[in-house]
Every structure is written in structure tokens, then in C-alpha cells.
Amino acid sequence: MRQVFNEKNRDLIVNVNGVLTHRNEARISPFDSAVQGGDAVWEGLRLYDGRIFKLIEHLDRLRASATALAFREIPSHETLIAEIRRTLEANAMRDGVHIRLTLSRGEKITSGMDPRLNQAGPTLIIVAEHKPPVYRRDGIALVTSSVRRFPPDCLDAKIHHANLLQSILAKIEANNAGADDALMLDPRGFVAETNATHVFIVKADCLHTPNTYACPEGITRATVIELCAANRLPCYVRDISVSEVYCADEMFCTGTMGELVAVTSVDGRRVGGGHVGQVTERVTAWFQDAVARDGYAIL
């Protein structure tokens, strides 16, 4: 899965604290907390025909993460929605767009870790790009990473923070192995997620997905669980071992950036038939129907 530059994004207008600027001219301070320590929270959003899917759920998670990190100021949902709309309108965007929404603790009066050095309020960064789902539709290959996800007594994964070094290190391993992404385990050795997405396996026409002991409660993941309940497809949330992954009938990943994508091999072992399975196709169709009819009308 090689990323290539999309020429439609060459002249993007980005939003930094309400200032709309060409991507080549946008700047944040070297004293900003995101630069100094990765002290920021973020959300990925996807725009479908003028509507953002699960927008309020994403903004709720952003606020919860910022609250958990004791940000002194958090913009209201109304403010965030207005700035997202301004950004989309400045770029004449309506469909096929991925939005990266980042909120840092803000600029410090001097370098340092202490949040008391932050006295200017938060920094809001909105980047909207023309970006279709990033994975191949015919399935991806994973490799199990040596990098483990933190347990909640080390760093609570419910905080959707911008310090992504664990994921980056795991992605480096996947790149070096010639895989698309890395399967990451929790400290007990059970499956957590990939470096970028949540995972589901299929066994005997039932779905199974890992507990969120060491990973965020993904919004696309939650949508799939809801769709299974609505369509009477059994879905179990539990600990899953790597050997169960190897023996699965099907496997797929979920996330805002890539939507739903089949996993056809893990650690060089073919999963199921090594192609997109029937259950995966069925759940994908349910998801596509959901994004076509639901969403917050922002334009």
C-alpha cells in the first residue's frame, strides 16, 4: 500500500485557529504543545455528499480526550462545526474528503512539559483533503508487530491522543516486512488492533472483535457492532489470540480513513480463502448503506 500524492490537494486551504491559509504557508509555533510533546488530541472525519458520518460522536470523543488531559479550554461543538464548514467551503469540497481535526493544549510561554506553561488557549488545526479510502478493495496483508499496545495503567487508550509513536514503530515493522499494516497485541498477548484500524474476525458466520482493553473504542468499530445487532448477525466482543486469527474464516479492519477492508493474510498465512469473504461483503454493504443515508449535514 504505497501512498501517492493527490494533485487535487496541491492548493489546499487549511485552518489554523480560524485563519484560512494555503497549505504551503500554514504555520504553528515551535512552542506549541503538539510540537513540544505530542500534547494534543485528534479525530479523523469523512465527508460523504455534504454530510460527515458520525460527526457528533467524533466531537464527543475529542472533548472527552481533551477533558481527560485536563485541557483548560475546549471549543464547543458549535465552534468546531463552524470551522470545519469554513474549511470545506474554502476548498469547495463536498464528497470523497477526509478531515484531520487536531486540538493541542496550545502555545507555551517557554519550552517545557508543565501544562501551567500553556497560557494562550488551545490550538485548533483542521486539514481537509481529497482522499478516498486508503486500502485496496481486494484485501490487505498484516504482520504481527513486536510493539505492544499500552495497558490502561500505563496510558489509557480511551484518550485519543496525538502521540502516535507506538503506531509509527509498528508501521515501520510492517513496511520492512512488505506488509500493508501491523497487527498489534496487548501486553497479555491478545490482539488489540492494527497500527491504524480495529479488527474483526469471522468464524462460523459470527463476528468477533477484541476488547478495547488496550485500544480506543473506535467509532467505525461501534457502527459495525450496531449494524450486526440491527441485522441479527452475532457479534462477540472478547479476547482474541493470534492463533484464532490464523484460523479465522475471514478477517477485516475498520476505520474512518479506510472504512472496511478485508485482511487476506497475516504473517504470511492466508486468512480463510485469501480473498474478500461473503460476511465481509455483507457487512461492508450495510456500512455503505449507513453512510449513504446518515450523517450530519454540514454543507
Protein backbone atom coordinates (compact mmCIF):
# COMPACT_ATOMS: atom_id res chain seq x y z
CA MET A 1 0.00 0.00 0.00
CA ARG A 2 2.11 2.87 -1.29
CA GLN A 3 0.84 6.38 -0.63
CA VAL A 4 0.97 8.74 -3.60
CA PHE A 5 0.42 12.49 -3.75
CA ASN A 6 -3.03 13.55 -4.91
CA GLU A 7 -2.68 16.57 -7.23
CA LYS A 8 -6.14 17.76 -6.16
CA ASN A 9 -4.57 18.57 -2.78
CA ARG A 10 -1.76 20.76 -4.11
CA ASP A 11 -3.51 24.04 -3.29
CA LEU A 12 -5.40 23.07 -0.14
CA ILE A 13 -6.57 25.76 2.24
CA VAL A 14 -6.01 24.70 5.84
CA ASN A 15 -7.41 26.18 9.04
CA VAL A 16 -5.17 27.07 12.00
CA ASN A 17 -7.03 28.76 14.84
CA GLY A 18 -9.63 30.11 12.44
CA VAL A 19 -7.11 31.51 9.95
CA LEU A 20 -7.54 30.02 6.46
CA THR A 21 -4.19 29.70 4.68
CA HIS A 22 -2.64 27.89 1.72
CA ARG A 23 -1.05 24.65 2.87
CA ASN A 24 2.44 25.95 1.98
CA GLU A 25 2.04 28.98 4.21
CA ALA A 26 0.27 27.49 7.25
CA ARG A 27 2.34 27.53 10.44
CA ILE A 28 2.09 26.77 14.15
CA SER A 29 4.52 27.96 16.80
CA PRO A 30 7.59 25.86 17.73
CA PHE A 31 6.35 26.43 21.29
CA ASP A 32 3.05 24.67 20.56
CA SER A 33 2.33 21.67 22.76
CA ALA A 34 1.81 19.42 19.74
CA VAL A 35 5.41 20.14 18.70
CA GLN A 36 6.90 20.12 22.19
CA GLY A 37 5.41 16.84 23.41
CA GLY A 38 2.68 15.48 21.17
CA ASP A 39 0.29 17.02 23.70
CA ALA A 40 -2.82 17.07 21.52
CA VAL A 41 -5.96 15.13 20.70
CA TRP A 42 -7.37 14.43 17.26
CA GLU A 43 -10.18 12.94 15.21
CA GLY A 44 -10.47 11.70 11.65
CA LEU A 45 -13.73 12.55 9.85
CA ARG A 46 -15.08 11.57 6.46
CA LEU A 47 -17.34 13.70 4.26
CA TYR A 48 -19.97 11.97 2.11
CA ASP A 49 -22.06 14.17 -0.23
CA GLY A 50 -22.09 17.14 2.14
CA ARG A 51 -22.56 15.05 5.31
CA ILE A 52 -19.99 13.98 7.89
CA PHE A 53 -20.62 10.47 9.16
CA LYS A 54 -20.88 10.20 12.97
CA LEU A 55 -19.70 13.80 13.41
CA ILE A 56 -21.19 14.31 16.87
CA GLU A 57 -19.74 11.02 18.11
CA HIS A 58 -16.30 12.12 16.93
CA LEU A 59 -16.63 15.53 18.56
CA ASP A 60 -17.81 13.89 21.79
CA ARG A 61 -14.69 11.72 21.77
CA LEU A 62 -12.47 14.74 21.09
CA ARG A 63 -13.98 16.56 24.06
CA ALA A 64 -13.67 13.51 26.31
CA SER A 65 -10.00 13.08 25.37
CA ALA A 66 -9.23 16.78 25.95
CA THR A 67 -11.07 16.65 29.28
CA ALA A 68 -9.09 13.59 30.36
CA LEU A 69 -5.88 15.51 29.55
CA ALA A 70 -7.12 18.49 31.62
CA PHE A 71 -7.18 21.00 28.76
CA ARG A 72 -8.24 24.29 30.33
CA GLU A 73 -10.25 25.33 27.27
CA ILE A 74 -12.11 23.15 24.79
CA PRO A 75 -14.01 24.67 21.86
CA SER A 76 -17.72 23.95 21.76
CA HIS A 77 -19.22 21.58 19.22
CA GLU A 78 -20.81 24.59 17.54
CA THR A 79 -17.44 26.32 17.16
CA LEU A 80 -15.77 23.19 15.77
CA ILE A 81 -18.59 22.56 13.30
CA ALA A 82 -18.47 26.16 12.08
CA GLU A 83 -14.70 25.99 11.50
CA ILE A 84 -14.97 22.64 9.72
CA ARG A 85 -17.65 24.12 7.47
CA ARG A 86 -15.50 27.19 6.71
CA THR A 87 -12.60 24.92 5.77
CA LEU A 88 -14.70 22.76 3.45
CA GLU A 89 -16.27 25.79 1.79
CA ALA A 90 -12.86 27.41 1.27
CA ASN A 91 -11.80 24.27 -0.62
CA ALA A 92 -15.13 23.81 -2.46
CA MET A 93 -15.31 20.27 -1.07
CA ARG A 94 -18.41 18.10 -0.86
CA ASP A 95 -17.54 14.40 -1.24
CA GLY A 96 -14.62 11.99 -1.05
CA VAL A 97 -12.93 14.04 1.66
CA HIS A 98 -11.04 13.05 4.81
CA ILE A 99 -10.70 15.65 7.57
CA ARG A 100 -7.99 15.64 10.23
CA LEU A 101 -9.15 17.63 13.26
CA THR A 102 -6.40 18.32 15.83
CA LEU A 103 -6.66 20.21 19.11
CA SER A 104 -3.44 20.85 21.02
CA ARG A 105 -3.05 22.27 24.52
CA GLY A 106 -1.73 25.36 22.76
CA GLU A 107 1.35 27.55 22.75
CA LYS A 108 3.71 27.59 25.75
CA ILE A 109 5.37 30.69 27.14
CA THR A 110 8.66 28.75 27.21
CA SER A 111 9.82 25.23 26.40
CA GLY A 112 8.83 22.66 28.99
CA MET A 113 6.47 19.87 29.89
CA ASP A 114 4.43 21.63 32.60
CA PRO A 115 0.86 22.42 31.40
CA ARG A 116 1.00 25.58 33.51
CA LEU A 117 3.26 26.99 30.78
CA ASN A 118 0.21 26.96 28.48
CA GLN A 119 -1.46 30.33 28.97
CA ALA A 120 -2.78 31.22 25.50
CA GLY A 121 -5.56 28.68 24.98
CA PRO A 122 -5.66 25.67 22.66
CA THR A 123 -4.55 25.41 19.04
CA LEU A 124 -7.14 24.12 16.56
CA ILE A 125 -5.89 22.68 13.25
CA ILE A 126 -8.24 21.48 10.52
CA VAL A 127 -6.87 19.77 7.40
CA ALA A 128 -9.38 18.58 4.80
CA GLU A 129 -8.01 16.51 1.90
CA HIS A 130 -9.40 14.86 -1.18
CA LYS A 131 -8.79 11.29 -0.07
CA PRO A 132 -10.71 8.12 -0.94
CA PRO A 133 -10.40 5.10 1.38
CA VAL A 134 -6.71 4.30 1.55
CA TYR A 135 -6.73 0.49 1.31
CA ARG A 136 -7.05 -1.82 -1.68
CA ARG A 137 -10.55 -3.23 -2.01
CA ASP A 138 -9.24 -6.75 -2.72
CA GLY A 139 -7.69 -7.08 0.75
CA ILE A 140 -4.54 -6.29 2.66
CA ALA A 141 -1.73 -8.21 4.35
CA LEU A 142 -0.80 -7.78 8.02
CA VAL A 143 2.26 -8.79 10.02
CA THR A 144 2.26 -9.13 13.80
CA SER A 145 4.31 -6.36 15.40
CA SER A 146 6.72 -6.71 18.30
CA VAL A 147 5.42 -3.35 19.60
CA ARG A 148 2.67 -3.82 22.19
CA ARG A 149 -0.23 -1.51 22.92
CA PHE A 150 -0.12 0.11 26.36
CA PRO A 151 -2.42 -1.22 29.09
CA PRO A 152 -4.66 1.40 30.74
CA ASP A 153 -2.43 1.59 33.83
CA CYS A 154 0.40 2.88 31.60
CA LEU A 155 -1.57 5.09 29.19
CA ASP A 156 -5.33 4.90 28.84
CA ALA A 157 -6.19 4.18 25.20
CA LYS A 158 -9.55 5.89 25.67
CA ILE A 159 -7.59 9.15 25.32
CA HIS A 160 -7.38 9.68 21.57
CA HIS A 161 -4.05 11.49 21.77
CA ALA A 162 -1.68 12.62 19.02
CA ASN A 163 1.45 10.86 20.29
CA LEU A 164 1.44 8.01 17.77
CA LEU A 165 4.96 6.62 18.19
CA GLN A 166 3.71 3.13 19.05
CA SER A 167 1.76 3.03 15.80
CA ILE A 168 4.63 4.51 13.80
CA LEU A 169 7.11 1.95 15.12
CA ALA A 170 4.69 -0.86 14.30
CA LYS A 171 4.11 0.59 10.82
CA ILE A 172 7.88 0.65 10.23
CA GLU A 173 7.96 -3.07 11.01
CA ALA A 174 5.11 -3.67 8.56
CA ASN A 175 6.87 -1.65 5.85
CA ASN A 176 10.09 -3.59 6.37
CA ALA A 177 8.18 -6.87 6.14
CA GLY A 178 6.43 -5.86 2.92
CA ALA A 179 3.01 -5.89 4.61
CA ASP A 180 0.31 -3.23 4.42
CA ASP A 181 -0.10 -2.74 8.17
CA ALA A 182 0.86 -4.26 11.52
CA LEU A 183 -1.29 -6.34 13.84
CA MET A 184 -0.66 -5.14 17.39
CA LEU A 185 -1.12 -7.12 20.60
CA ASP A 186 -1.87 -6.04 24.14
CA PRO A 187 0.62 -6.79 26.98
CA ARG A 188 -1.10 -10.14 27.63
CA GLY A 189 -0.54 -11.29 24.05
CA PHE A 190 -4.11 -10.92 22.83
CA VAL A 191 -4.99 -8.98 19.69
CA ALA A 192 -5.63 -5.25 20.28
CA GLU A 193 -5.89 -3.62 16.82
CA THR A 194 -3.61 -2.72 13.94
CA ASN A 195 -1.38 0.33 13.87
CA ALA A 196 -4.30 2.25 12.30
CA THR A 197 -7.56 0.26 12.50
CA HIS A 198 -9.71 -2.07 14.56
CA VAL A 199 -10.11 -5.70 13.58
CA PHE A 200 -12.89 -8.26 13.28
CA ILE A 201 -12.63 -11.96 12.54
CA VAL A 202 -15.34 -14.23 11.21
CA LYS A 203 -15.82 -17.77 12.47
CA ALA A 204 -18.84 -19.93 11.57
CA ASP A 205 -20.79 -16.86 10.33
CA CYS A 206 -20.27 -14.99 13.61
CA LEU A 207 -18.17 -11.86 14.11
CA HIS A 208 -15.63 -11.48 16.90
CA THR A 209 -13.73 -8.31 17.80
CA PRO A 210 -11.15 -7.67 20.54
CA ASN A 211 -11.90 -5.98 23.82
CA THR A 212 -10.81 -2.36 23.94
CA TYR A 213 -8.52 -3.04 26.90
CA ALA A 214 -5.55 -1.53 25.06
CA CYS A 215 -7.04 0.41 22.14
CA PRO A 216 -9.60 3.17 21.56
CA GLU A 217 -13.29 2.44 21.25
CA GLY A 218 -13.39 3.06 17.52
CA ILE A 219 -16.41 4.81 16.04
CA THR A 220 -16.43 2.75 12.84
CA ARG A 221 -15.99 -0.35 15.01
CA ALA A 222 -19.02 0.68 17.09
CA THR A 223 -21.01 1.26 13.89
CA VAL A 224 -20.25 -2.28 12.69
CA ILE A 225 -21.34 -3.73 16.04
CA GLU A 226 -24.60 -1.72 15.81
CA LEU A 227 -25.20 -2.89 12.24
CA CYS A 228 -24.68 -6.51 13.27
CA ALA A 229 -27.27 -6.14 16.04
CA ALA A 230 -29.76 -4.49 13.66
CA ASN A 231 -29.28 -7.27 11.08
CA ARG A 232 -29.16 -10.14 13.59
CA LEU A 233 -25.61 -11.15 12.84
CA PRO A 234 -23.98 -12.42 16.06
CA CYS A 235 -21.01 -10.29 17.13
CA TYR A 236 -18.93 -11.04 20.22
CA VAL A 237 -16.52 -8.69 21.98
CA ARG A 238 -13.81 -10.74 23.70
CA ASP A 239 -10.12 -11.56 23.94
CA ILE A 240 -8.80 -12.97 20.66
CA SER A 241 -5.49 -14.78 20.28
CA VAL A 242 -3.22 -14.69 17.25
CA SER A 243 -3.84 -18.39 16.59
CA GLU A 244 -7.56 -17.62 16.30
CA VAL A 245 -6.69 -15.03 13.67
CA TYR A 246 -4.71 -17.63 11.73
CA CYS A 247 -7.71 -19.99 11.84
CA ALA A 248 -10.40 -17.41 11.04
CA ASP A 249 -12.76 -17.91 8.11
CA GLU A 250 -12.50 -14.19 7.28
CA MET A 251 -10.98 -11.04 8.73
CA PHE A 252 -11.46 -7.33 8.12
CA CYS A 253 -10.37 -3.97 9.52
CA THR A 254 -12.42 -0.88 10.27
CA GLY A 255 -11.56 2.81 10.47
CA THR A 256 -12.53 6.25 9.21
CA MET A 257 -9.51 6.55 6.90
CA GLY A 258 -10.07 3.21 5.18
CA GLU A 259 -13.70 2.29 6.01
CA LEU A 260 -13.95 -1.53 5.89
CA VAL A 261 -11.24 -3.61 4.23
CA ALA A 262 -10.66 -7.35 4.11
CA VAL A 263 -7.49 -8.89 5.53
CA THR A 264 -6.35 -11.74 3.30
CA SER A 265 -3.12 -12.74 5.05
CA VAL A 266 -1.43 -12.38 8.44
CA ASP A 267 2.25 -13.19 8.99
CA GLY A 268 2.37 -14.78 5.54
CA ARG A 269 -0.53 -17.12 6.34
CA ARG A 270 -3.61 -16.95 4.16
CA VAL A 271 -6.75 -16.00 6.08
CA GLY A 272 -9.76 -18.06 5.02
CA GLY A 273 -9.74 -18.35 1.27
CA GLY A 274 -7.28 -15.49 0.85
CA HIS A 275 -9.93 -13.23 -0.67
CA VAL A 276 -12.78 -10.97 0.42
CA GLY A 277 -15.29 -13.20 2.20
CA GLN A 278 -19.08 -13.25 1.98
CA VAL A 279 -19.67 -11.99 5.52
CA THR A 280 -17.18 -9.16 4.98
CA GLU A 281 -19.01 -8.21 1.77
CA ARG A 282 -22.36 -8.27 3.58
CA VAL A 283 -21.18 -6.07 6.46
CA THR A 284 -19.47 -3.69 4.00
CA ALA A 285 -22.76 -3.28 2.11
CA TRP A 286 -24.56 -2.46 5.38
CA PHE A 287 -21.92 0.13 6.18
CA GLN A 288 -22.10 1.73 2.75
CA ASP A 289 -25.88 1.99 3.09
CA ALA A 290 -25.44 3.65 6.50
CA VAL A 291 -23.03 6.32 5.26
CA ALA A 292 -25.29 6.98 2.25
CA ARG A 293 -28.36 7.71 4.40
CA ASP A 294 -26.92 9.03 7.67
CA GLY A 295 -24.56 11.79 8.66
CA TYR A 296 -24.50 15.39 9.87
CA ALA A 297 -25.43 17.77 7.04
CA ILE A 298 -22.61 20.30 7.27
CA LEU A 299 -22.95 21.77 3.76
